[in-house]
PDB file of N, CA and C in Angstrom:
ATOM      1  N   MET A   1     -16.437  28.080  11.700  1.00  0.00           N
ATOM      2  CA  MET A   1     -17.805  28.340  11.511  1.00  0.00           C
ATOM      3  C   MET A   1     -17.311  28.979   9.844  1.00  0.00           C
ATOM      4  N   GLU A   2     -18.316  29.221   8.446  1.00  0.00           N
ATOM      5  CA  GLU A   2     -18.718  29.671   7.451  1.00  0.00           C
ATOM      6  C   GLU A   2     -19.872  29.783   7.014  1.00  0.00           C
ATOM      7  N   ILE A   3     -20.280  31.479   6.404  1.00  0.00           N
ATOM      8  CA  ILE A   3     -21.212  31.763   5.822  1.00  0.00           C
ATOM      9  C   ILE A   3     -21.167  31.543   4.327  1.00  0.00           C
ATOM     10  N   ARG A   4     -22.313  30.931   4.027  1.00  0.00           N
ATOM     11  CA  ARG A   4     -22.475  30.608   2.682  1.00  0.00           C
ATOM     12  C   ARG A   4     -23.694  31.253   2.429  1.00  0.00           C
ATOM     13  N   PRO A   5     -24.262  31.167   1.347  1.00  0.00           N
ATOM     14  CA  PRO A   5     -25.549  32.346   0.749  1.00  0.00           C
ATOM     15  C   PRO A   5     -25.845  33.103   1.608  1.00  0.00           C
ATOM     16  N   VAL A   6     -26.320  34.003   1.374  1.00  0.00           N
ATOM     17  CA  VAL A   6     -27.304  34.909   2.114  1.00  0.00           C
ATOM     18  C   VAL A   6     -28.242  35.289   1.068  1.00  0.00           C
ATOM     19  N   THR A   7     -29.097  34.745   1.533  1.00  0.00           N
ATOM     20  CA  THR A   7     -30.770  35.115   0.124  1.00  0.00           C
ATOM     21  C   THR A   7     -32.098  35.954   0.879  1.00  0.00           C
ATOM     22  N   PRO A   8     -31.825  37.221   0.194  1.00  0.00           N
ATOM     23  CA  PRO A   8     -32.545  37.582   0.074  1.00  0.00           C
ATOM     24  C   PRO A   8     -34.792  37.391   1.329  1.00  0.00           C
ATOM     25  N   ALA A   9     -35.407  37.682   1.396  1.00  0.00           N
ATOM     26  CA  ALA A   9     -36.847  36.496   1.168  1.00  0.00           C
ATOM     27  C   ALA A   9     -37.195  36.283   0.231  1.00  0.00           C
ATOM     28  N   SER A  10     -37.111  37.508  -1.165  1.00  0.00           N
ATOM     29  CA  SER A  10     -37.647  36.483  -1.928  1.00  0.00           C
ATOM     30  C   SER A  10     -36.844  36.017  -2.484  1.00  0.00           C
ATOM     31  N   GLY A  11     -35.452  35.212  -2.599  1.00  0.00           N
ATOM     32  CA  GLY A  11     -34.406  34.302  -3.654  1.00  0.00           C
ATOM     33  C   GLY A  11     -35.232  33.146  -3.161  1.00  0.00           C
ATOM     34  N   PRO A  12     -36.096  32.761  -2.083  1.00  0.00           N
ATOM     35  CA  PRO A  12     -35.987  30.588  -2.482  1.00  0.00           C
ATOM     36  C   PRO A  12     -36.860  30.449  -3.180  1.00  0.00           C
ATOM     37  N   PRO A  13     -37.215  29.133  -2.929  1.00  0.00           N
ATOM     38  CA  PRO A  13     -38.498  28.723  -4.202  1.00  0.00           C
ATOM     39  C   PRO A  13     -39.818  29.337  -2.799  1.00  0.00           C
ATOM     40  N   ALA A  14     -40.624  29.305  -3.396  1.00  0.00           N
ATOM     41  CA  ALA A  14     -41.663  29.744  -2.595  1.00  0.00           C
ATOM     42  C   ALA A  14     -41.832  28.145  -1.526  1.00  0.00           C
ATOM     43  N   ALA A  15     -42.160  27.694  -1.700  1.00  0.00           N
ATOM     44  CA  ALA A  15     -42.149  26.374  -0.658  1.00  0.00           C
ATOM     45  C   ALA A  15     -41.513  26.586   0.665  1.00  0.00           C
ATOM     46  N   ALA A  16     -40.140  27.017   0.066  1.00  0.00           N
ATOM     47  CA  ALA A  16     -39.093  27.910   1.223  1.00  0.00           C
ATOM     48  C   ALA A  16     -39.409  28.380   2.303  1.00  0.00           C
ATOM     49  N   VAL A  17     -40.012  29.378   1.317  1.00  0.00           N
ATOM     50  CA  VAL A  17     -40.328  31.058   1.905  1.00  0.00           C
ATOM     51  C   VAL A  17     -41.694  30.439   2.838  1.00  0.00           C
ATOM     52  N   GLU A  18     -42.973  29.841   2.819  1.00  0.00           N
ATOM     53  CA  GLU A  18     -43.527  28.999   3.189  1.00  0.00           C
ATOM     54  C   GLU A  18     -43.260  28.973   4.700  1.00  0.00           C
ATOM     55  N   ARG A  19     -42.312  27.148   4.267  1.00  0.00           N
ATOM     56  CA  ARG A  19     -42.076  27.056   5.525  1.00  0.00           C
ATOM     57  C   ARG A  19     -41.456  27.454   6.577  1.00  0.00           C
ATOM     58  N   LEU A  20     -40.219  28.679   6.148  1.00  0.00           N
ATOM     59  CA  LEU A  20     -39.706  29.587   6.901  1.00  0.00           C
ATOM     60  C   LEU A  20     -40.196  30.205   7.527  1.00  0.00           C
ATOM     61  N   ARG A  21     -41.659  30.360   6.736  1.00  0.00           N
ATOM     62  CA  ARG A  21     -42.099  31.306   6.747  1.00  0.00           C
ATOM     63  C   ARG A  21     -41.694  32.942   7.152  1.00  0.00           C
ATOM     64  N   LEU A  22     -40.594  32.780   5.782  1.00  0.00           N
ATOM     65  CA  LEU A  22     -39.959  34.368   5.450  1.00  0.00           C
ATOM     66  C   LEU A  22     -40.709  36.060   5.248  1.00  0.00           C
ATOM     67  N   THR A  23     -40.081  36.857   6.191  1.00  0.00           N
ATOM     68  CA  THR A  23     -40.798  38.044   5.706  1.00  0.00           C
ATOM     69  C   THR A  23     -40.062  38.708   4.567  1.00  0.00           C
ATOM     70  N   GLY A  24     -40.439  39.816   3.843  1.00  0.00           N
ATOM     71  CA  GLY A  24     -39.877  40.833   3.358  1.00  0.00           C
ATOM     72  C   GLY A  24     -38.632  41.137   3.713  1.00  0.00           C
ATOM     73  N   ASP A  25     -38.392  41.604   5.115  1.00  0.00           N
ATOM     74  CA  ASP A  25     -37.001  42.488   5.532  1.00  0.00           C
ATOM     75  C   ASP A  25     -36.305  41.392   6.298  1.00  0.00           C
ATOM     76  N   GLN A  26     -36.537  40.303   6.163  1.00  0.00           N
ATOM     77  CA  GLN A  26     -35.787  38.970   6.300  1.00  0.00           C
ATOM     78  C   GLN A  26     -34.936  38.306   4.903  1.00  0.00           C
ATOM     79  N   VAL A  27     -33.969  37.493   5.654  1.00  0.00           N
ATOM     80  CA  VAL A  27     -32.752  36.606   5.221  1.00  0.00           C
ATOM     81  C   VAL A  27     -32.865  35.716   5.640  1.00  0.00           C
ATOM     82  N   ASN A  28     -31.836  34.760   4.325  1.00  0.00           N
ATOM     83  CA  ASN A  28     -32.012  33.262   4.823  1.00  0.00           C
ATOM     84  C   ASN A  28     -30.560  33.091   4.659  1.00  0.00           C
ATOM     85  N   VAL A  29     -29.899  32.866   5.555  1.00  0.00           N
ATOM     86  CA  VAL A  29     -28.132  32.634   5.625  1.00  0.00           C
ATOM     87  C   VAL A  29     -28.249  31.054   6.092  1.00  0.00           C
ATOM     88  N   LEU A  30     -27.427  30.588   4.511  1.00  0.00           N
ATOM     89  CA  LEU A  30     -27.145  29.341   5.263  1.00  0.00           C
ATOM     90  C   LEU A  30     -25.581  28.876   5.679  1.00  0.00           C
ATOM     91  N   LEU A  31     -25.013  28.474   6.558  1.00  0.00           N
ATOM     92  CA  LEU A  31     -23.592  28.257   7.193  1.00  0.00           C
ATOM     93  C   LEU A  31     -23.054  26.781   7.240  1.00  0.00           C
ATOM     94  N   ARG A  32     -22.207  27.139   7.208  1.00  0.00           N
ATOM     95  CA  ARG A  32     -21.162  25.430   7.379  1.00  0.00           C
ATOM     96  C   ARG A  32     -20.177  25.436   8.578  1.00  0.00           C
ATOM     97  N   LEU A  33     -20.928  24.440   9.372  1.00  0.00           N
ATOM     98  CA  LEU A  33     -20.420  24.690  10.936  1.00  0.00           C
ATOM     99  C   LEU A  33     -20.056  23.179  10.854  1.00  0.00           C
ATOM    100  N   VAL A  34     -18.747  23.079  11.153  1.00  0.00           N
ATOM    101  CA  VAL A  34     -17.853  22.152  11.091  1.00  0.00           C
ATOM    102  C   VAL A  34     -17.659  21.456  12.842  1.00  0.00           C
ATOM    103  N   LEU A  35     -17.980  20.354  12.993  1.00  0.00           N
ATOM    104  CA  LEU A  35     -18.059  20.104  14.666  1.00  0.00           C
ATOM    105  C   LEU A  35     -16.386  19.248  14.993  1.00  0.00           C
ATOM    106  N   GLN A  36     -15.355  19.051  14.887  1.00  0.00           N
ATOM    107  CA  GLN A  36     -14.386  17.951  15.191  1.00  0.00           C
ATOM    108  C   GLN A  36     -13.566  17.788  16.024  1.00  0.00           C
ATOM    109  N   PRO A  37     -13.724  17.182  16.647  1.00  0.00           N
ATOM    110  CA  PRO A  37     -12.697  17.456  18.141  1.00  0.00           C
ATOM    111  C   PRO A  37     -11.913  16.312  17.744  1.00  0.00           C
ATOM    112  N   LEU A  38     -10.676  16.721  18.134  1.00  0.00           N
ATOM    113  CA  LEU A  38      -8.981  16.192  17.832  1.00  0.00           C
ATOM    114  C   LEU A  38      -9.114  15.050  18.597  1.00  0.00           C
ATOM    115  N   ASP A  39      -9.597  14.535  19.959  1.00  0.00           N
ATOM    116  CA  ASP A  39      -8.764  13.202  20.341  1.00  0.00           C
ATOM    117  C   ASP A  39     -10.170  12.295  20.509  1.00  0.00           C
ATOM    118  N   ARG A  40     -10.774  12.135  19.846  1.00  0.00           N
ATOM    119  CA  ARG A  40     -12.073  11.375  19.417  1.00  0.00           C
ATOM    120  C   ARG A  40     -13.049  11.652  18.210  1.00  0.00           C
ATOM    121  N   THR A  41     -13.714  10.779  18.110  1.00  0.00           N
ATOM    122  CA  THR A  41     -15.523  10.880  17.583  1.00  0.00           C
ATOM    123  C   THR A  41     -16.170  11.269  18.205  1.00  0.00           C
ATOM    124  N   LEU A  42     -17.293  12.083  17.590  1.00  0.00           N
ATOM    125  CA  LEU A  42     -18.518  12.925  18.366  1.00  0.00           C
ATOM    126  C   LEU A  42     -19.345  12.055  18.207  1.00  0.00           C
ATOM    127  N   THR A  43     -20.408  11.307  18.803  1.00  0.00           N
ATOM    128  CA  THR A  43     -21.367  10.587  18.764  1.00  0.00           C
ATOM    129  C   THR A  43     -22.550  11.410  18.111  1.00  0.00           C
ATOM    130  N   ASP A  44     -23.484  11.357  16.758  1.00  0.00           N
ATOM    131  CA  ASP A  44     -24.286  11.535  16.176  1.00  0.00           C
ATOM    132  C   ASP A  44     -25.024  12.042  17.059  1.00  0.00           C
ATOM    133  N   GLU A  45     -25.694  11.921  18.600  1.00  0.00           N
ATOM    134  CA  GLU A  45     -26.596  12.368  19.477  1.00  0.00           C
ATOM    135  C   GLU A  45     -25.579  13.786  19.884  1.00  0.00           C
ATOM    136  N   GLU A  46     -24.426  14.142  20.331  1.00  0.00           N
ATOM    137  CA  GLU A  46     -23.651  14.633  20.353  1.00  0.00           C
ATOM    138  C   GLU A  46     -23.834  15.829  19.473  1.00  0.00           C
ATOM    139  N   ALA A  47     -23.346  15.712  18.210  1.00  0.00           N
ATOM    140  CA  ALA A  47     -22.833  16.895  17.403  1.00  0.00           C
ATOM    141  C   ALA A  47     -24.399  17.038  17.059  1.00  0.00           C
ATOM    142  N   ASN A  48     -25.030  16.283  16.912  1.00  0.00           N
ATOM    143  CA  ASN A  48     -26.833  17.334  17.101  1.00  0.00           C
ATOM    144  C   ASN A  48     -27.270  17.945  17.948  1.00  0.00           C
ATOM    145  N   VAL A  49     -26.489  17.631  19.576  1.00  0.00           N
ATOM    146  CA  VAL A  49     -26.610  18.878  20.439  1.00  0.00           C
ATOM    147  C   VAL A  49     -26.120  19.953  20.093  1.00  0.00           C
ATOM    148  N   LEU A  50     -24.554  19.662  19.614  1.00  0.00           N
ATOM    149  CA  LEU A  50     -24.149  21.257  19.492  1.00  0.00           C
ATOM    150  C   LEU A  50     -24.429  21.967  18.475  1.00  0.00           C
ATOM    151  N   ARG A  51     -24.963  21.444  17.673  1.00  0.00           N
ATOM    152  CA  ARG A  51     -24.915  22.007  16.097  1.00  0.00           C
ATOM    153  C   ARG A  51     -27.002  22.519  16.719  1.00  0.00           C
ATOM    154  N   ASP A  52     -27.554  22.394  17.333  1.00  0.00           N
ATOM    155  CA  ASP A  52     -28.742  22.859  18.303  1.00  0.00           C
ATOM    156  C   ASP A  52     -28.374  23.682  19.046  1.00  0.00           C
ATOM    157  N   ARG A  53     -27.288  24.213  19.679  1.00  0.00           N
ATOM    158  CA  ARG A  53     -26.928  25.210  20.592  1.00  0.00           C
ATOM    159  C   ARG A  53     -26.043  26.207  20.084  1.00  0.00           C
ATOM    160  N   VAL A  54     -25.519  25.497  18.864  1.00  0.00           N
ATOM    161  CA  VAL A  54     -25.043  27.088  18.032  1.00  0.00           C
ATOM    162  C   VAL A  54     -26.371  27.789  16.915  1.00  0.00           C
ATOM    163  N   TYR A  55     -27.468  26.878  16.639  1.00  0.00           N
ATOM    164  CA  TYR A  55     -28.613  27.350  16.045  1.00  0.00           C
ATOM    165  C   TYR A  55     -29.430  28.297  16.582  1.00  0.00           C
ATOM    166  N   LEU A  56     -29.430  27.621  18.110  1.00  0.00           N
ATOM    167  CA  LEU A  56     -30.537  28.617  19.386  1.00  0.00           C
ATOM    168  C   LEU A  56     -29.710  29.497  19.517  1.00  0.00           C
ATOM    169  N   ALA A  57     -28.501  30.037  20.016  1.00  0.00           N
ATOM    170  CA  ALA A  57     -27.704  31.334  19.488  1.00  0.00           C
ATOM    171  C   ALA A  57     -27.576  31.951  18.474  1.00  0.00           C
ATOM    172  N   LEU A  58     -28.253  31.382  17.572  1.00  0.00           N
ATOM    173  CA  LEU A  58     -27.644  32.330  16.043  1.00  0.00           C
ATOM    174  C   LEU A  58     -29.323  32.450  15.254  1.00  0.00           C
ATOM    175  N   HIS A  59     -30.050  31.709  15.397  1.00  0.00           N
ATOM    176  CA  HIS A  59     -31.595  31.744  14.627  1.00  0.00           C
ATOM    177  C   HIS A  59     -32.642  33.195  15.561  1.00  0.00           C
ATOM    178  N   ARG A  60     -33.724  33.535  14.363  1.00  0.00           N
ATOM    179  CA  ARG A  60     -33.893  34.705  14.673  1.00  0.00           C
ATOM    180  C   ARG A  60     -34.935  34.888  14.345  1.00  0.00           C
ATOM    181  N   GLY A  61     -35.324  33.027  13.261  1.00  0.00           N
ATOM    182  CA  GLY A  61     -36.534  33.444  12.337  1.00  0.00           C
ATOM    183  C   GLY A  61     -38.148  32.432  13.501  1.00  0.00           C
ATOM    184  N   ARG A  62     -39.159  32.799  12.954  1.00  0.00           N
ATOM    185  CA  ARG A  62     -40.389  32.568  13.861  1.00  0.00           C
ATOM    186  C   ARG A  62     -40.039  31.045  13.477  1.00  0.00           C
ATOM    187  N   VAL A  63     -39.713  30.115  12.519  1.00  0.00           N
ATOM    188  CA  VAL A  63     -39.309  28.587  12.954  1.00  0.00           C
ATOM    189  C   VAL A  63     -38.530  28.079  13.051  1.00  0.00           C
ATOM    190  N   LEU A  64     -38.656  27.709  14.199  1.00  0.00           N
ATOM    191  CA  LEU A  64     -37.404  26.131  14.778  1.00  0.00           C
ATOM    192  C   LEU A  64     -37.592  24.778  14.177  1.00  0.00           C
ATOM    193  N   GLU A  65     -36.424  24.932  13.800  1.00  0.00           N
ATOM    194  CA  GLU A  65     -36.023  23.035  12.972  1.00  0.00           C
ATOM    195  C   GLU A  65     -34.954  22.413  13.662  1.00  0.00           C
ATOM    196  N   LEU A  66     -34.872  22.346  15.032  1.00  0.00           N
ATOM    197  CA  LEU A  66     -34.412  20.785  15.787  1.00  0.00           C
ATOM    198  C   LEU A  66     -34.061  19.884  15.582  1.00  0.00           C
ATOM    199  N   ILE A  67     -32.846  19.273  15.331  1.00  0.00           N
ATOM    200  CA  ILE A  67     -32.456  18.411  15.074  1.00  0.00           C
ATOM    201  C   ILE A  67     -32.423  17.152  16.253  1.00  0.00           C
ATOM    202  N   ALA A  68     -31.692  18.031  17.722  1.00  0.00           N
ATOM    203  CA  ALA A  68     -31.532  16.624  18.755  1.00  0.00           C
ATOM    204  C   ALA A  68     -33.035  16.625  19.391  1.00  0.00           C
ATOM    205  N   GLY A  69     -33.621  18.392  19.691  1.00  0.00           N
ATOM    206  CA  GLY A  69     -35.231  18.138  20.328  1.00  0.00           C
ATOM    207  C   GLY A  69     -35.119  18.866  20.932  1.00  0.00           C
TER     208      GLY A  69
END
């Protein structure tokens, strides 16, 4: 996992701030997550479930954006 840009709530476009319902004391953090098993290829479903697990563990905002459901 790699931390990419960290943007204060005043940084993203207004549409993104509204969609995420960011408040002035929050920041938006972009993370790059690489899922790469050595012995096989992950299915899209497996990768999405893992991504959502990491997202739920780290997310602190009011809006959840899950992929796998």
